[in-house]
Amino acid sequence: ERTFLAYVRTALAFFAAGTAILSFFDKVIGHRAIVVVVGSGLYAL
């Protein structure tokens, strides 16, 4: 059960990272298409 909960926390971290990438990383990663691919990839993960 603890391992299950660790996977749930990991999934939530992927969602948070995807949100951060899609919201704030346009200036760090210069191309919007790459931002969308990485952010969406984190959501999918």
PDB file of all heavy atoms in Angstrom:
ATOM      1  N   GLU A   1       0.826  -1.207   0.000  1.00  0.00           N
ATOM      2  CA  GLU A   1       0.000   0.000   0.000  1.00  0.00           C
ATOM      3  C   GLU A   1       0.864   1.262   0.000  1.00  0.00           C
ATOM      4  O   GLU A   1       0.563   2.239  -0.692  1.00  0.00           O
ATOM      5  CB  GLU A   1      -0.915  -0.003   1.219  1.00  0.00           C
ATOM      6  CG  GLU A   1      -1.897   1.148   1.234  1.00  0.00           C
ATOM      7  CD  GLU A   1      -2.879   1.044   2.396  1.00  0.00           C
ATOM      8  OE1 GLU A   1      -3.276  -0.064   2.755  1.00  0.00           O
ATOM      9  OE2 GLU A   1      -3.227   2.112   2.922  1.00  0.00           O
ATOM     10  N   ARG A   2       1.954   1.255   0.765  1.00  0.00           N
ATOM     11  CA  ARG A   2       2.862   2.417   0.764  1.00  0.00           C
ATOM     12  C   ARG A   2       3.473   2.638  -0.613  1.00  0.00           C
ATOM     13  O   ARG A   2       3.631   3.774  -1.063  1.00  0.00           O
ATOM     14  CB  ARG A   2       3.964   2.246   1.809  1.00  0.00           C
ATOM     15  CG  ARG A   2       3.504   2.504   3.227  1.00  0.00           C
ATOM     16  CD  ARG A   2       4.666   2.571   4.200  1.00  0.00           C
ATOM     17  NE  ARG A   2       5.487   1.366   4.210  1.00  0.00           N
ATOM     18  CZ  ARG A   2       5.250   0.291   4.953  1.00  0.00           C
ATOM     19  NH1 ARG A   2       4.189   0.251   5.746  1.00  0.00           N
ATOM     20  NH2 ARG A   2       6.055  -0.743   4.908  1.00  0.00           N
ATOM     21  N   THR A   3       3.799   1.549  -1.298  1.00  0.00           N
ATOM     22  CA  THR A   3       4.339   1.671  -2.656  1.00  0.00           C
ATOM     23  C   THR A   3       3.282   2.251  -3.586  1.00  0.00           C
ATOM     24  O   THR A   3       3.574   3.121  -4.410  1.00  0.00           O
ATOM     25  CB  THR A   3       4.821   0.296  -3.162  1.00  0.00           C
ATOM     26  OG1 THR A   3       5.801  -0.207  -2.243  1.00  0.00           O
ATOM     27  CG2 THR A   3       5.419   0.399  -4.542  1.00  0.00           C
ATOM     28  N   PHE A   4       2.048   1.787  -3.455  1.00  0.00           N
ATOM     29  CA  PHE A   4       0.944   2.344  -4.239  1.00  0.00           C
ATOM     30  C   PHE A   4       0.837   3.849  -4.014  1.00  0.00           C
ATOM     31  O   PHE A   4       0.740   4.632  -4.962  1.00  0.00           O
ATOM     32  CB  PHE A   4      -0.363   1.636  -3.847  1.00  0.00           C
ATOM     33  CG  PHE A   4      -1.597   2.321  -4.351  1.00  0.00           C
ATOM     34  CD1 PHE A   4      -2.019   2.149  -5.658  1.00  0.00           C
ATOM     35  CD2 PHE A   4      -2.339   3.151  -3.522  1.00  0.00           C
ATOM     36  CE1 PHE A   4      -3.160   2.783  -6.138  1.00  0.00           C
ATOM     37  CE2 PHE A   4      -3.476   3.787  -3.988  1.00  0.00           C
ATOM     38  CZ  PHE A   4      -3.881   3.603  -5.302  1.00  0.00           C
ATOM     39  N   LEU A   5       0.874   4.272  -2.762  1.00  0.00           N
ATOM     40  CA  LEU A   5       0.762   5.695  -2.450  1.00  0.00           C
ATOM     41  C   LEU A   5       1.954   6.484  -2.983  1.00  0.00           C
ATOM     42  O   LEU A   5       1.802   7.640  -3.400  1.00  0.00           O
ATOM     43  CB  LEU A   5       0.596   5.892  -0.943  1.00  0.00           C
ATOM     44  CG  LEU A   5      -0.718   5.350  -0.372  1.00  0.00           C
ATOM     45  CD1 LEU A   5      -0.706   5.415   1.147  1.00  0.00           C
ATOM     46  CD2 LEU A   5      -1.913   6.089  -0.941  1.00  0.00           C
ATOM     47  N   ALA A   6       3.134   5.871  -3.011  1.00  0.00           N
ATOM     48  CA  ALA A   6       4.301   6.542  -3.596  1.00  0.00           C
ATOM     49  C   ALA A   6       4.099   6.753  -5.098  1.00  0.00           C
ATOM     50  O   ALA A   6       4.467   7.806  -5.640  1.00  0.00           O
ATOM     51  CB  ALA A   6       5.565   5.720  -3.337  1.00  0.00           C
ATOM     52  N   TYR A   7       3.515   5.776  -5.766  1.00  0.00           N
ATOM     53  CA  TYR A   7       3.208   5.935  -7.191  1.00  0.00           C
ATOM     54  C   TYR A   7       2.172   7.040  -7.400  1.00  0.00           C
ATOM     55  O   TYR A   7       2.260   7.812  -8.364  1.00  0.00           O
ATOM     56  CB  TYR A   7       2.703   4.625  -7.797  1.00  0.00           C
ATOM     57  CG  TYR A   7       3.807   3.710  -8.266  1.00  0.00           C
ATOM     58  CD1 TYR A   7       4.153   2.573  -7.546  1.00  0.00           C
ATOM     59  CD2 TYR A   7       4.511   3.976  -9.433  1.00  0.00           C
ATOM     60  CE1 TYR A   7       5.159   1.734  -7.979  1.00  0.00           C
ATOM     61  CE2 TYR A   7       5.514   3.139  -9.870  1.00  0.00           C
ATOM     62  CZ  TYR A   7       5.838   2.011  -9.140  1.00  0.00           C
ATOM     63  OH  TYR A   7       6.835   1.188  -9.572  1.00  0.00           O
ATOM     64  N   VAL A   8       1.187   7.145  -6.517  1.00  0.00           N
ATOM     65  CA  VAL A   8       0.188   8.207  -6.627  1.00  0.00           C
ATOM     66  C   VAL A   8       0.869   9.571  -6.465  1.00  0.00           C
ATOM     67  O   VAL A   8       0.601  10.507  -7.235  1.00  0.00           O
ATOM     68  CB  VAL A   8      -0.948   8.021  -5.590  1.00  0.00           C
ATOM     69  CG1 VAL A   8      -1.845   9.244  -5.525  1.00  0.00           C
ATOM     70  CG2 VAL A   8      -1.761   6.775  -5.915  1.00  0.00           C
ATOM     71  N   ARG A   9       1.767   9.691  -5.482  1.00  0.00           N
ATOM     72  CA  ARG A   9       2.498  10.957  -5.303  1.00  0.00           C
ATOM     73  C   ARG A   9       3.347  11.268  -6.525  1.00  0.00           C
ATOM     74  O   ARG A   9       3.456  12.427  -6.947  1.00  0.00           O
ATOM     75  CB  ARG A   9       3.379  10.895  -4.054  1.00  0.00           C
ATOM     76  CG  ARG A   9       2.609  10.952  -2.758  1.00  0.00           C
ATOM     77  CD  ARG A   9       3.526  11.113  -1.557  1.00  0.00           C
ATOM     78  NE  ARG A   9       4.506  10.056  -1.425  1.00  0.00           N
ATOM     79  CZ  ARG A   9       4.311   8.912  -0.765  1.00  0.00           C
ATOM     80  NH1 ARG A   9       3.138   8.682  -0.195  1.00  0.00           N
ATOM     81  NH2 ARG A   9       5.265   8.023  -0.668  1.00  0.00           N
ATOM     82  N   THR A  10       3.946  10.259  -7.117  1.00  0.00           N
ATOM     83  CA  THR A  10       4.740  10.458  -8.323  1.00  0.00           C
ATOM     84  C   THR A  10       3.866  10.952  -9.470  1.00  0.00           C
ATOM     85  O   THR A  10       4.249  11.867 -10.199  1.00  0.00           O
ATOM     86  CB  THR A  10       5.461   9.146  -8.701  1.00  0.00           C
ATOM     87  OG1 THR A  10       6.300   8.752  -7.604  1.00  0.00           O
ATOM     88  CG2 THR A  10       6.299   9.312  -9.949  1.00  0.00           C
ATOM     89  N   ALA A  11       2.685  10.364  -9.624  1.00  0.00           N
ATOM     90  CA  ALA A  11       1.759  10.818 -10.672  1.00  0.00           C
ATOM     91  C   ALA A  11       1.386  12.279 -10.453  1.00  0.00           C
ATOM     92  O   ALA A  11       1.365  13.078 -11.402  1.00  0.00           O
ATOM     93  CB  ALA A  11       0.509   9.940 -10.691  1.00  0.00           C
ATOM     94  N   LEU A  12       1.101  12.652  -9.210  1.00  0.00           N
ATOM     95  CA  LEU A  12       0.772  14.048  -8.911  1.00  0.00           C
ATOM     96  C   LEU A  12       1.950  14.971  -9.229  1.00  0.00           C
ATOM     97  O   LEU A  12       1.758  16.088  -9.727  1.00  0.00           O
ATOM     98  CB  LEU A  12       0.367  14.192  -7.443  1.00  0.00           C
ATOM     99  CG  LEU A  12      -0.982  13.573  -7.070  1.00  0.00           C
ATOM    100  CD1 LEU A  12      -1.184  13.595  -5.558  1.00  0.00           C
ATOM    101  CD2 LEU A  12      -2.112  14.295  -7.763  1.00  0.00           C
ATOM    102  N   ALA A  13       3.164  14.518  -8.960  1.00  0.00           N
ATOM    103  CA  ALA A  13       4.347  15.322  -9.283  1.00  0.00           C
ATOM    104  C   ALA A  13       4.492  15.498 -10.792  1.00  0.00           C
ATOM    105  O   ALA A  13       4.873  16.583 -11.256  1.00  0.00           O
ATOM    106  CB  ALA A  13       5.602  14.664  -8.701  1.00  0.00           C
ATOM    107  N   PHE A  14       4.186  14.467 -11.569  1.00  0.00           N
ATOM    108  CA  PHE A  14       4.223  14.600 -13.029  1.00  0.00           C
ATOM    109  C   PHE A  14       3.189  15.621 -13.501  1.00  0.00           C
ATOM    110  O   PHE A  14       3.464  16.429 -14.389  1.00  0.00           O
ATOM    111  CB  PHE A  14       3.987  13.255 -13.723  1.00  0.00           C
ATOM    112  CG  PHE A  14       5.142  12.295 -13.608  1.00  0.00           C
ATOM    113  CD1 PHE A  14       4.905  10.938 -13.433  1.00  0.00           C
ATOM    114  CD2 PHE A  14       6.450  12.721 -13.688  1.00  0.00           C
ATOM    115  CE1 PHE A  14       5.953  10.039 -13.340  1.00  0.00           C
ATOM    116  CE2 PHE A  14       7.512  11.828 -13.600  1.00  0.00           C
ATOM    117  CZ  PHE A  14       7.254  10.483 -13.421  1.00  0.00           C
ATOM    118  N   PHE A  15       1.989  15.600 -12.907  1.00  0.00           N
ATOM    119  CA  PHE A  15       0.969  16.583 -13.278  1.00  0.00           C
ATOM    120  C   PHE A  15       1.432  18.000 -12.937  1.00  0.00           C
ATOM    121  O   PHE A  15       1.262  18.927 -13.730  1.00  0.00           O
ATOM    122  CB  PHE A  15      -0.362  16.289 -12.573  1.00  0.00           C
ATOM    123  CG  PHE A  15      -1.006  14.992 -12.970  1.00  0.00           C
ATOM    124  CD1 PHE A  15      -1.622  14.194 -12.025  1.00  0.00           C
ATOM    125  CD2 PHE A  15      -1.012  14.566 -14.289  1.00  0.00           C
ATOM    126  CE1 PHE A  15      -2.233  13.002 -12.382  1.00  0.00           C
ATOM    127  CE2 PHE A  15      -1.620  13.370 -14.663  1.00  0.00           C
ATOM    128  CZ  PHE A  15      -2.229  12.592 -13.706  1.00  0.00           C
ATOM    129  N   ALA A  16       2.017  18.166 -11.750  1.00  0.00           N
ATOM    130  CA  ALA A  16       2.500  19.493 -11.339  1.00  0.00           C
ATOM    131  C   ALA A  16       3.635  19.966 -12.250  1.00  0.00           C
ATOM    132  O   ALA A  16       3.672  21.132 -12.660  1.00  0.00           O
ATOM    133  CB  ALA A  16       2.972  19.447  -9.891  1.00  0.00           C
ATOM    134  N   ALA A  17       4.547  19.068 -12.592  1.00  0.00           N
ATOM    135  CA  ALA A  17       5.658  19.433 -13.484  1.00  0.00           C
ATOM    136  C   ALA A  17       5.136  19.778 -14.878  1.00  0.00           C
ATOM    137  O   ALA A  17       5.609  20.747 -15.496  1.00  0.00           O
ATOM    138  CB  ALA A  17       6.666  18.287 -13.559  1.00  0.00           C
ATOM    139  N   GLY A  18       4.179  19.019 -15.367  1.00  0.00           N
ATOM    140  CA  GLY A  18       3.587  19.322 -16.672  1.00  0.00           C
ATOM    141  C   GLY A  18       2.919  20.682 -16.676  1.00  0.00           C
ATOM    142  O   GLY A  18       3.064  21.460 -17.626  1.00  0.00           O
ATOM    143  N   THR A  19       2.214  21.004 -15.606  1.00  0.00           N
ATOM    144  CA  THR A  19       1.570  22.311 -15.481  1.00  0.00           C
ATOM    145  C   THR A  19       2.616  23.421 -15.458  1.00  0.00           C
ATOM    146  O   THR A  19       2.461  24.447 -16.127  1.00  0.00           O
ATOM    147  CB  THR A  19       0.708  22.367 -14.210  1.00  0.00           C
ATOM    148  OG1 THR A  19      -0.291  21.346 -14.286  1.00  0.00           O
ATOM    149  CG2 THR A  19       0.042  23.723 -14.038  1.00  0.00           C
ATOM    150  N   ALA A  20       3.677  23.228 -14.698  1.00  0.00           N
ATOM    151  CA  ALA A  20       4.741  24.237 -14.618  1.00  0.00           C
ATOM    152  C   ALA A  20       5.401  24.449 -15.977  1.00  0.00           C
ATOM    153  O   ALA A  20       5.620  25.594 -16.391  1.00  0.00           O
ATOM    154  CB  ALA A  20       5.778  23.811 -13.580  1.00  0.00           C
ATOM    155  N   ILE A  21       5.711  23.365 -16.665  1.00  0.00           N
ATOM    156  CA  ILE A  21       6.345  23.481 -17.981  1.00  0.00           C
ATOM    157  C   ILE A  21       5.425  24.234 -18.946  1.00  0.00           C
ATOM    158  O   ILE A  21       5.856  25.170 -19.630  1.00  0.00           O
ATOM    159  CB  ILE A  21       6.681  22.083 -18.558  1.00  0.00           C
ATOM    160  CG1 ILE A  21       7.725  21.375 -17.710  1.00  0.00           C
ATOM    161  CG2 ILE A  21       7.103  22.163 -20.019  1.00  0.00           C
ATOM    162  CD1 ILE A  21       9.130  21.880 -17.856  1.00  0.00           C
ATOM    163  N   LEU A  22       4.160  23.836 -19.008  1.00  0.00           N
ATOM    164  CA  LEU A  22       3.225  24.469 -19.938  1.00  0.00           C
ATOM    165  C   LEU A  22       2.949  25.936 -19.586  1.00  0.00           C
ATOM    166  O   LEU A  22       2.670  26.744 -20.465  1.00  0.00           O
ATOM    167  CB  LEU A  22       1.911  23.692 -19.983  1.00  0.00           C
ATOM    168  CG  LEU A  22       1.991  22.328 -20.668  1.00  0.00           C
ATOM    169  CD1 LEU A  22       0.716  21.527 -20.417  1.00  0.00           C
ATOM    170  CD2 LEU A  22       2.257  22.473 -22.151  1.00  0.00           C
ATOM    171  N   SER A  23       3.041  26.278 -18.309  1.00  0.00           N
ATOM    172  CA  SER A  23       2.690  27.626 -17.875  1.00  0.00           C
ATOM    173  C   SER A  23       3.850  28.610 -17.888  1.00  0.00           C
ATOM    174  O   SER A  23       3.656  29.787 -18.167  1.00  0.00           O
ATOM    175  CB  SER A  23       2.112  27.577 -16.462  1.00  0.00           C
ATOM    176  OG  SER A  23       0.961  26.775 -16.428  1.00  0.00           O
ATOM    177  N   PHE A  24       5.065  28.152 -17.567  1.00  0.00           N
ATOM    178  CA  PHE A  24       6.148  29.089 -17.279  1.00  0.00           C
ATOM    179  C   PHE A  24       7.415  28.934 -18.101  1.00  0.00           C
ATOM    180  O   PHE A  24       8.340  29.715 -17.940  1.00  0.00           O
ATOM    181  CB  PHE A  24       6.522  29.001 -15.797  1.00  0.00           C
ATOM    182  CG  PHE A  24       5.355  29.190 -14.869  1.00  0.00           C
ATOM    183  CD1 PHE A  24       4.916  28.150 -14.080  1.00  0.00           C
ATOM    184  CD2 PHE A  24       4.679  30.397 -14.815  1.00  0.00           C
ATOM    185  CE1 PHE A  24       3.834  28.311 -13.222  1.00  0.00           C
ATOM    186  CE2 PHE A  24       3.593  30.567 -13.956  1.00  0.00           C
ATOM    187  CZ  PHE A  24       3.170  29.534 -13.167  1.00  0.00           C
ATOM    188  N   PHE A  25       7.521  27.924 -18.941  1.00  0.00           N
ATOM    189  CA  PHE A  25       8.807  27.624 -19.549  1.00  0.00           C
ATOM    190  C   PHE A  25       8.975  28.120 -20.983  1.00  0.00           C
ATOM    191  O   PHE A  25       9.913  27.743 -21.654  1.00  0.00           O
ATOM    192  CB  PHE A  25       9.085  26.112 -19.473  1.00  0.00           C
ATOM    193  CG  PHE A  25       9.684  25.706 -18.165  1.00  0.00           C
ATOM    194  CD1 PHE A  25       8.962  25.812 -16.990  1.00  0.00           C
ATOM    195  CD2 PHE A  25      10.978  25.232 -18.100  1.00  0.00           C
ATOM    196  CE1 PHE A  25       9.511  25.452 -15.780  1.00  0.00           C
ATOM    197  CE2 PHE A  25      11.538  24.860 -16.893  1.00  0.00           C
ATOM    198  CZ  PHE A  25      10.803  24.978 -15.726  1.00  0.00           C
ATOM    199  N   ASP A  26       8.097  28.971 -21.445  1.00  0.00           N
ATOM    200  CA  ASP A  26       8.237  29.493 -22.815  1.00  0.00           C
ATOM    201  C   ASP A  26       9.550  30.253 -23.002  1.00  0.00           C
ATOM    202  O   ASP A  26      10.147  30.215 -24.066  1.00  0.00           O
ATOM    203  CB  ASP A  26       7.058  30.396 -23.171  1.00  0.00           C
ATOM    204  CG  ASP A  26       5.841  29.596 -23.600  1.00  0.00           C
ATOM    205  OD1 ASP A  26       6.017  28.461 -24.068  1.00  0.00           O
ATOM    206  OD2 ASP A  26       4.727  30.116 -23.458  1.00  0.00           O
ATOM    207  N   LYS A  27      10.005  30.957 -21.970  1.00  0.00           N
ATOM    208  CA  LYS A  27      11.244  31.736 -22.090  1.00  0.00           C
ATOM    209  C   LYS A  27      12.484  30.870 -21.909  1.00  0.00           C
ATOM    210  O   LYS A  27      13.547  31.196 -22.411  1.00  0.00           O
ATOM    211  CB  LYS A  27      11.241  32.891 -21.111  1.00  0.00           C
ATOM    212  CG  LYS A  27      10.180  33.913 -21.486  1.00  0.00           C
ATOM    213  CD  LYS A  27      10.202  35.100 -20.585  1.00  0.00           C
ATOM    214  CE  LYS A  27       9.108  36.042 -21.084  1.00  0.00           C
ATOM    215  NZ  LYS A  27       8.728  37.038 -20.188  1.00  0.00           N
ATOM    216  N   VAL A  28      12.358  29.774 -21.166  1.00  0.00           N
ATOM    217  CA  VAL A  28      13.504  28.872 -20.956  1.00  0.00           C
ATOM    218  C   VAL A  28      13.695  27.979 -22.178  1.00  0.00           C
ATOM    219  O   VAL A  28      14.807  27.798 -22.664  1.00  0.00           O
ATOM    220  CB  VAL A  28      13.296  28.015 -19.689  1.00  0.00           C
ATOM    221  CG1 VAL A  28      14.428  27.015 -19.512  1.00  0.00           C
ATOM    222  CG2 VAL A  28      13.155  28.900 -18.466  1.00  0.00           C
ATOM    223  N   ILE A  29      12.598  27.410 -22.639  1.00  0.00           N
ATOM    224  CA  ILE A  29      12.605  26.577 -23.841  1.00  0.00           C
ATOM    225  C   ILE A  29      11.962  27.426 -24.933  1.00  0.00           C
ATOM    226  O   ILE A  29      10.764  27.659 -24.916  1.00  0.00           O
ATOM    227  CB  ILE A  29      11.821  25.265 -23.627  1.00  0.00           C
ATOM    228  CG1 ILE A  29      12.412  24.465 -22.475  1.00  0.00           C
ATOM    229  CG2 ILE A  29      11.815  24.434 -24.895  1.00  0.00           C
ATOM    230  CD1 ILE A  29      11.606  23.253 -22.066  1.00  0.00           C
ATOM    231  N   GLY A  30      12.758  27.887 -25.853  1.00  0.00           N
ATOM    232  CA  GLY A  30      12.341  28.908 -26.791  1.00  0.00           C
ATOM    233  C   GLY A  30      11.200  28.562 -27.728  1.00  0.00           C
ATOM    234  O   GLY A  30      10.534  29.449 -28.232  1.00  0.00           O
ATOM    235  N   HIS A  31      10.928  27.330 -27.978  1.00  0.00           N
ATOM    236  CA  HIS A  31       9.915  26.938 -28.953  1.00  0.00           C
ATOM    237  C   HIS A  31       8.688  26.391 -28.236  1.00  0.00           C
ATOM    238  O   HIS A  31       8.774  25.443 -27.473  1.00  0.00           O
ATOM    239  CB  HIS A  31      10.468  25.883 -29.917  1.00  0.00           C
ATOM    240  CG  HIS A  31      11.666  26.361 -30.669  1.00  0.00           C
ATOM    241  ND1 HIS A  31      11.599  27.355 -31.610  1.00  0.00           N
ATOM    242  CD2 HIS A  31      12.959  25.996 -30.607  1.00  0.00           C
ATOM    243  CE1 HIS A  31      12.797  27.573 -32.108  1.00  0.00           C
ATOM    244  NE2 HIS A  31      13.648  26.763 -31.500  1.00  0.00           N
ATOM    245  N   ARG A  32       7.544  26.989 -28.524  1.00  0.00           N
ATOM    246  CA  ARG A  32       6.286  26.578 -27.879  1.00  0.00           C
ATOM    247  C   ARG A  32       5.972  25.106 -28.159  1.00  0.00           C
ATOM    248  O   ARG A  32       5.466  24.405 -27.272  1.00  0.00           O
ATOM    249  CB  ARG A  32       5.131  27.468 -28.358  1.00  0.00           C
ATOM    250  CG  ARG A  32       3.804  27.151 -27.716  1.00  0.00           C
ATOM    251  CD  ARG A  32       3.790  27.505 -26.254  1.00  0.00           C
ATOM    252  NE  ARG A  32       2.513  27.110 -25.654  1.00  0.00           N
ATOM    253  CZ  ARG A  32       2.329  26.953 -24.373  1.00  0.00           C
ATOM    254  NH1 ARG A  32       3.310  27.178 -23.528  1.00  0.00           N
ATOM    255  NH2 ARG A  32       1.170  26.593 -23.905  1.00  0.00           N
ATOM    256  N   ALA A  33       6.286  24.639 -29.347  1.00  0.00           N
ATOM    257  CA  ALA A  33       6.001  23.239 -29.684  1.00  0.00           C
ATOM    258  C   ALA A  33       6.747  22.290 -28.749  1.00  0.00           C
ATOM    259  O   ALA A  33       6.186  21.278 -28.300  1.00  0.00           O
ATOM    260  CB  ALA A  33       6.376  22.951 -31.134  1.00  0.00           C
ATOM    261  N   ILE A  34       7.991  22.614 -28.426  1.00  0.00           N
ATOM    262  CA  ILE A  34       8.767  21.752 -27.515  1.00  0.00           C
ATOM    263  C   ILE A  34       8.194  21.832 -26.104  1.00  0.00           C
ATOM    264  O   ILE A  34       8.100  20.824 -25.400  1.00  0.00           O
ATOM    265  CB  ILE A  34      10.263  22.122 -27.558  1.00  0.00           C
ATOM    266  CG1 ILE A  34      10.822  21.782 -28.938  1.00  0.00           C
ATOM    267  CG2 ILE A  34      11.032  21.404 -26.460  1.00  0.00           C
ATOM    268  CD1 ILE A  34      12.254  22.179 -29.163  1.00  0.00           C
ATOM    269  N   VAL A  35       7.781  23.021 -25.689  1.00  0.00           N
ATOM    270  CA  VAL A  35       7.147  23.183 -24.378  1.00  0.00           C
ATOM    271  C   VAL A  35       5.891  22.316 -24.297  1.00  0.00           C
ATOM    272  O   VAL A  35       5.669  21.618 -23.302  1.00  0.00           O
ATOM    273  CB  VAL A  35       6.801  24.676 -24.112  1.00  0.00           C
ATOM    274  CG1 VAL A  35       5.931  24.833 -22.879  1.00  0.00           C
ATOM    275  CG2 VAL A  35       8.061  25.501 -23.983  1.00  0.00           C
ATOM    276  N   VAL A  36       5.090  22.334 -25.352  1.00  0.00           N
ATOM    277  CA  VAL A  36       3.854  21.549 -25.373  1.00  0.00           C
ATOM    278  C   VAL A  36       4.169  20.046 -25.350  1.00  0.00           C
ATOM    279  O   VAL A  36       3.522  19.281 -24.628  1.00  0.00           O
ATOM    280  CB  VAL A  36       2.978  21.926 -26.592  1.00  0.00           C
ATOM    281  CG1 VAL A  36       1.828  20.946 -26.766  1.00  0.00           C
ATOM    282  CG2 VAL A  36       2.463  23.340 -26.444  1.00  0.00           C
ATOM    283  N   VAL A  37       5.179  19.631 -26.111  1.00  0.00           N
ATOM    284  CA  VAL A  37       5.546  18.207 -26.132  1.00  0.00           C
ATOM    285  C   VAL A  37       6.012  17.750 -24.755  1.00  0.00           C
ATOM    286  O   VAL A  37       5.561  16.714 -24.238  1.00  0.00           O
ATOM    287  CB  VAL A  37       6.635  17.930 -27.201  1.00  0.00           C
ATOM    288  CG1 VAL A  37       7.258  16.557 -27.010  1.00  0.00           C
ATOM    289  CG2 VAL A  37       6.054  18.064 -28.598  1.00  0.00           C
ATOM    290  N   VAL A  38       6.903  18.514 -24.127  1.00  0.00           N
ATOM    291  CA  VAL A  38       7.433  18.118 -22.816  1.00  0.00           C
ATOM    292  C   VAL A  38       6.335  18.182 -21.747  1.00  0.00           C
ATOM    293  O   VAL A  38       6.167  17.242 -20.965  1.00  0.00           O
ATOM    294  CB  VAL A  38       8.653  18.986 -22.429  1.00  0.00           C
ATOM    295  CG1 VAL A  38       9.089  18.703 -20.999  1.00  0.00           C
ATOM    296  CG2 VAL A  38       9.806  18.745 -23.393  1.00  0.00           C
ATOM    297  N   GLY A  39       5.568  19.272 -21.721  1.00  0.00           N
ATOM    298  CA  GLY A  39       4.493  19.395 -20.726  1.00  0.00           C
ATOM    299  C   GLY A  39       3.427  18.331 -20.889  1.00  0.00           C
ATOM    300  O   GLY A  39       2.992  17.706 -19.914  1.00  0.00           O
ATOM    301  N   SER A  40       3.016  18.094 -22.122  1.00  0.00           N
ATOM    302  CA  SER A  40       2.006  17.060 -22.385  1.00  0.00           C
ATOM    303  C   SER A  40       2.564  15.668 -22.097  1.00  0.00           C
ATOM    304  O   SER A  40       1.839  14.792 -21.616  1.00  0.00           O
ATOM    305  CB  SER A  40       1.540  17.135 -23.834  1.00  0.00           C
ATOM    306  OG  SER A  40       0.966  18.389 -24.091  1.00  0.00           O
ATOM    307  N   GLY A  41       3.842  15.479 -22.389  1.00  0.00           N
ATOM    308  CA  GLY A  41       4.479  14.200 -22.084  1.00  0.00           C
ATOM    309  C   GLY A  41       4.470  13.912 -20.593  1.00  0.00           C
ATOM    310  O   GLY A  41       4.243  12.771 -20.161  1.00  0.00           O
ATOM    311  N   LEU A  42       4.704  14.948 -19.786  1.00  0.00           N
ATOM    312  CA  LEU A  42       4.656  14.766 -18.329  1.00  0.00           C
ATOM    313  C   LEU A  42       3.241  14.454 -17.860  1.00  0.00           C
ATOM    314  O   LEU A  42       3.040  13.619 -16.977  1.00  0.00           O
ATOM    315  CB  LEU A  42       5.213  15.999 -17.624  1.00  0.00           C
ATOM    316  CG  LEU A  42       6.731  16.142 -17.729  1.00  0.00           C
ATOM    317  CD1 LEU A  42       7.173  17.530 -17.291  1.00  0.00           C
ATOM    318  CD2 LEU A  42       7.432  15.075 -16.911  1.00  0.00           C
ATOM    319  N   TYR A  43       2.254  15.130 -18.455  1.00  0.00           N
ATOM    320  CA  TYR A  43       0.856  14.792 -18.136  1.00  0.00           C
ATOM    321  C   TYR A  43       0.556  13.339 -18.499  1.00  0.00           C
ATOM    322  O   TYR A  43      -0.055  12.601 -17.723  1.00  0.00           O
ATOM    323  CB  TYR A  43      -0.118  15.707 -18.882  1.00  0.00           C
ATOM    324  CG  TYR A  43      -0.464  16.968 -18.137  1.00  0.00           C
ATOM    325  CD1 TYR A  43       0.034  18.191 -18.555  1.00  0.00           C
ATOM    326  CD2 TYR A  43      -1.301  16.936 -17.034  1.00  0.00           C
ATOM    327  CE1 TYR A  43      -0.287  19.357 -17.883  1.00  0.00           C
ATOM    328  CE2 TYR A  43      -1.627  18.091 -16.357  1.00  0.00           C
ATOM    329  CZ  TYR A  43      -1.120  19.300 -16.789  1.00  0.00           C
ATOM    330  OH  TYR A  43      -1.441  20.449 -16.115  1.00  0.00           O
ATOM    331  N   ALA A  44       0.970  12.927 -19.687  1.00  0.00           N
ATOM    332  CA  ALA A  44       0.730  11.538 -20.122  1.00  0.00           C
ATOM    333  C   ALA A  44       1.407  10.552 -19.184  1.00  0.00           C
ATOM    334  O   ALA A  44       0.842   9.505 -18.846  1.00  0.00           O
ATOM    335  CB  ALA A  44       1.223  11.351 -21.552  1.00  0.00           C
ATOM    336  N   LEU A  45       2.614  10.891 -18.755  1.00  0.00           N
ATOM    337  CA  LEU A  45       3.327  10.024 -17.817  1.00  0.00           C
ATOM    338  C   LEU A  45       2.589   9.963 -16.479  1.00  0.00           C
ATOM    339  O   LEU A  45       2.535   8.905 -15.841  1.00  0.00           O
ATOM    340  CB  LEU A  45       4.757  10.533 -17.642  1.00  0.00           C
ATOM    341  CG  LEU A  45       5.787   9.583 -17.103  1.00  0.00           C
ATOM    342  CD1 LEU A  45       5.819   8.269 -17.871  1.00  0.00           C
ATOM    343  CD2 LEU A  45       7.148  10.248 -17.134  1.00  0.00           C
TER     344      LEU A  45
END
